[in-house]
Amino acid sequence: MIGVANDKESTSHRIVVGIDGSEAAVRALDWAAAEAERTGAVLEIQTAYEPGYVHVTKEEVQRSLDRLVEDASAHVAMATPGVVTVGKTHEQSPAEVLIEASKGADLLVVGSRGLGGFKGLLLGSVSQQCAHHAHCPLTIVR
């Protein structure tokens, strides 16, 4: 867990948002922060990677992901200062992380990168996996 953006009283309502540094993820983060502000939910920012896809040390990846979550929390604090954020990084499949995090959440929010002409044919994308397996309602932000 990275931290909490402010000291607002804890709530049992949670909105989980997945981020990966893409523009689509920033749009999802903004949408999720606005929804958390509207509902009074805690915004849980999640990011993950699978070790087989990177050719840098585990420590470098962890530092990068921690920075991504810290930057996302700072972004939320600037745009929606009343929203409590909690950040988490994981070394496993992003889809698995988000599906697990969706347990007990009020909402799961992910971005859609828009994969051009192949988007309907490619199975296994994070948003598709979440659409099939999330344990709560899902919003895919385009």
Protein backbone atom coordinates (compact mmCIF):
# COMPACT_ATOMS: atom_id res chain seq x y z
CA MET A 1 0.00 0.00 0.00
CA ILE A 2 1.46 3.34 -1.02
CA GLY A 3 -0.52 5.70 1.18
CA VAL A 4 -3.55 7.87 1.73
CA ALA A 5 -3.87 11.23 0.00
CA ASN A 6 -5.68 12.93 2.87
CA ASP A 7 -7.12 12.28 6.30
CA LYS A 8 -10.81 12.16 5.39
CA GLU A 9 -12.75 9.73 7.56
CA SER A 10 -12.69 6.17 6.25
CA THR A 11 -15.72 4.82 4.43
CA SER A 12 -16.86 1.34 3.56
CA HIS A 13 -17.46 2.37 -0.05
CA ARG A 14 -14.62 1.61 -2.47
CA ILE A 15 -14.00 2.41 -6.10
CA VAL A 16 -11.10 0.51 -7.65
CA VAL A 17 -9.29 1.97 -10.66
CA GLY A 18 -6.57 0.29 -12.69
CA ILE A 19 -3.75 2.44 -14.05
CA ASP A 20 -0.82 1.71 -16.34
CA GLY A 21 0.45 5.16 -17.31
CA SER A 22 -1.51 5.34 -20.57
CA GLU A 23 -3.77 8.22 -21.61
CA ALA A 24 -6.74 5.87 -21.31
CA ALA A 25 -5.75 5.10 -17.72
CA VAL A 26 -5.57 8.83 -16.89
CA ARG A 27 -9.10 9.27 -18.29
CA ALA A 28 -10.25 6.30 -16.18
CA LEU A 29 -8.53 7.79 -13.12
CA ASP A 30 -10.24 11.16 -13.65
CA TRP A 31 -13.63 9.51 -14.12
CA ALA A 32 -13.17 7.29 -11.06
CA ALA A 33 -12.01 10.25 -8.92
CA ALA A 34 -15.08 12.27 -9.89
CA GLU A 35 -17.29 9.30 -9.03
CA ALA A 36 -15.50 8.81 -5.70
CA GLU A 37 -16.00 12.48 -4.92
CA ARG A 38 -19.70 12.26 -5.83
CA THR A 39 -20.31 9.13 -3.74
CA GLY A 40 -17.86 9.64 -0.88
CA ALA A 41 -16.04 6.40 -1.72
CA VAL A 42 -12.36 5.68 -1.14
CA LEU A 43 -10.50 5.55 -4.46
CA GLU A 44 -8.23 2.51 -4.60
CA ILE A 45 -5.58 2.97 -7.30
CA GLN A 46 -4.15 -0.35 -8.50
CA THR A 47 -1.28 -1.07 -10.88
CA ALA A 48 0.45 -4.33 -11.75
CA TYR A 49 2.96 -5.95 -14.06
CA GLU A 50 3.88 -9.44 -15.07
CA PRO A 51 7.63 -10.04 -14.66
CA GLY A 52 8.01 -11.86 -17.97
CA TYR A 53 7.27 -8.69 -19.94
CA VAL A 54 10.08 -6.51 -18.64
CA HIS A 55 13.85 -6.57 -19.02
CA VAL A 56 14.80 -4.47 -16.02
CA THR A 57 15.31 -5.38 -12.40
CA LYS A 58 12.39 -6.06 -10.12
CA GLU A 59 13.45 -3.09 -7.96
CA GLU A 60 13.43 -0.73 -10.96
CA VAL A 61 9.97 -1.88 -11.93
CA GLN A 62 8.71 -1.53 -8.34
CA ARG A 63 10.10 2.02 -8.08
CA SER A 64 8.48 2.92 -11.39
CA LEU A 65 5.10 1.51 -10.36
CA ASP A 66 5.28 3.17 -6.95
CA ARG A 67 5.98 6.48 -8.71
CA LEU A 68 3.06 5.87 -11.09
CA VAL A 69 0.70 5.36 -8.14
CA GLU A 70 2.14 8.35 -6.24
CA ASP A 71 1.69 10.56 -9.33
CA ALA A 72 -1.87 9.28 -9.76
CA SER A 73 -2.66 10.04 -6.12
CA ALA A 74 -1.22 13.54 -6.50
CA HIS A 75 -3.26 14.04 -9.68
CA VAL A 76 -6.43 13.05 -7.82
CA ALA A 77 -5.54 15.32 -4.87
CA MET A 78 -5.23 18.30 -7.23
CA ALA A 79 -8.41 17.58 -9.19
CA THR A 80 -10.62 16.28 -6.38
CA PRO A 81 -9.01 17.21 -3.06
CA GLY A 82 -11.75 15.63 -0.92
CA VAL A 83 -11.15 12.12 -2.25
CA VAL A 84 -9.21 9.64 -0.12
CA THR A 85 -6.83 7.52 -2.19
CA VAL A 86 -5.08 4.28 -1.40
CA GLY A 87 -2.48 2.96 -3.85
CA LYS A 88 -1.26 -0.57 -4.41
CA THR A 89 1.27 -2.15 -6.75
CA HIS A 90 1.45 -5.83 -7.64
CA GLU A 91 3.73 -8.27 -9.39
CA GLN A 92 1.14 -10.38 -11.19
CA SER A 93 -1.36 -10.20 -14.02
CA PRO A 94 -3.10 -6.81 -14.09
CA ALA A 95 -6.44 -8.46 -14.93
CA GLU A 96 -6.11 -10.88 -12.00
CA VAL A 97 -5.21 -8.04 -9.63
CA LEU A 98 -8.20 -5.95 -10.67
CA ILE A 99 -10.61 -8.87 -10.57
CA GLU A 100 -9.44 -9.76 -7.05
CA ALA A 101 -9.60 -6.10 -5.97
CA SER A 102 -13.17 -5.90 -7.28
CA LYS A 103 -14.33 -8.22 -4.50
CA GLY A 104 -16.33 -6.08 -2.10
CA ALA A 105 -15.86 -2.92 -4.19
CA ASP A 106 -18.75 -0.73 -5.29
CA LEU A 107 -17.24 -0.19 -8.74
CA LEU A 108 -14.24 -1.17 -10.85
CA VAL A 109 -12.99 1.38 -13.42
CA VAL A 110 -10.52 0.67 -16.23
CA GLY A 111 -9.49 2.47 -19.38
CA SER A 112 -9.81 1.22 -22.92
CA ARG A 113 -6.85 1.78 -25.19
CA GLY A 114 -8.91 1.33 -28.37
CA LEU A 115 -7.01 -1.37 -30.23
CA GLY A 116 -8.03 -0.28 -33.72
CA GLY A 117 -9.42 -2.87 -36.13
CA PHE A 118 -8.34 -5.79 -33.97
CA LYS A 119 -10.07 -4.73 -30.77
CA GLY A 120 -12.95 -7.16 -31.23
CA LEU A 121 -10.62 -10.04 -32.05
CA LEU A 122 -8.01 -9.78 -29.32
CA LEU A 123 -8.89 -11.81 -26.26
CA GLY A 124 -7.18 -11.38 -22.95
CA SER A 125 -7.12 -7.60 -22.67
CA VAL A 126 -7.47 -6.32 -19.13
CA SER A 127 -10.79 -4.60 -19.80
CA GLN A 128 -12.22 -7.72 -21.48
CA GLN A 129 -11.11 -9.97 -18.64
CA CYS A 130 -12.58 -7.58 -16.09
CA ALA A 131 -15.85 -7.40 -18.05
CA HIS A 132 -16.17 -11.17 -17.83
CA HIS A 133 -14.94 -11.78 -14.29
CA ALA A 134 -15.29 -8.66 -12.08
CA HIS A 135 -17.14 -9.14 -8.79
CA CYS A 136 -18.78 -5.71 -8.97
CA PRO A 137 -20.11 -3.32 -11.62
CA LEU A 138 -17.50 -2.24 -14.17
CA THR A 139 -17.01 1.02 -16.06
CA ILE A 140 -14.70 1.04 -19.08
CA VAL A 141 -13.70 4.62 -19.86
CA ARG A 142 -12.83 5.45 -23.47
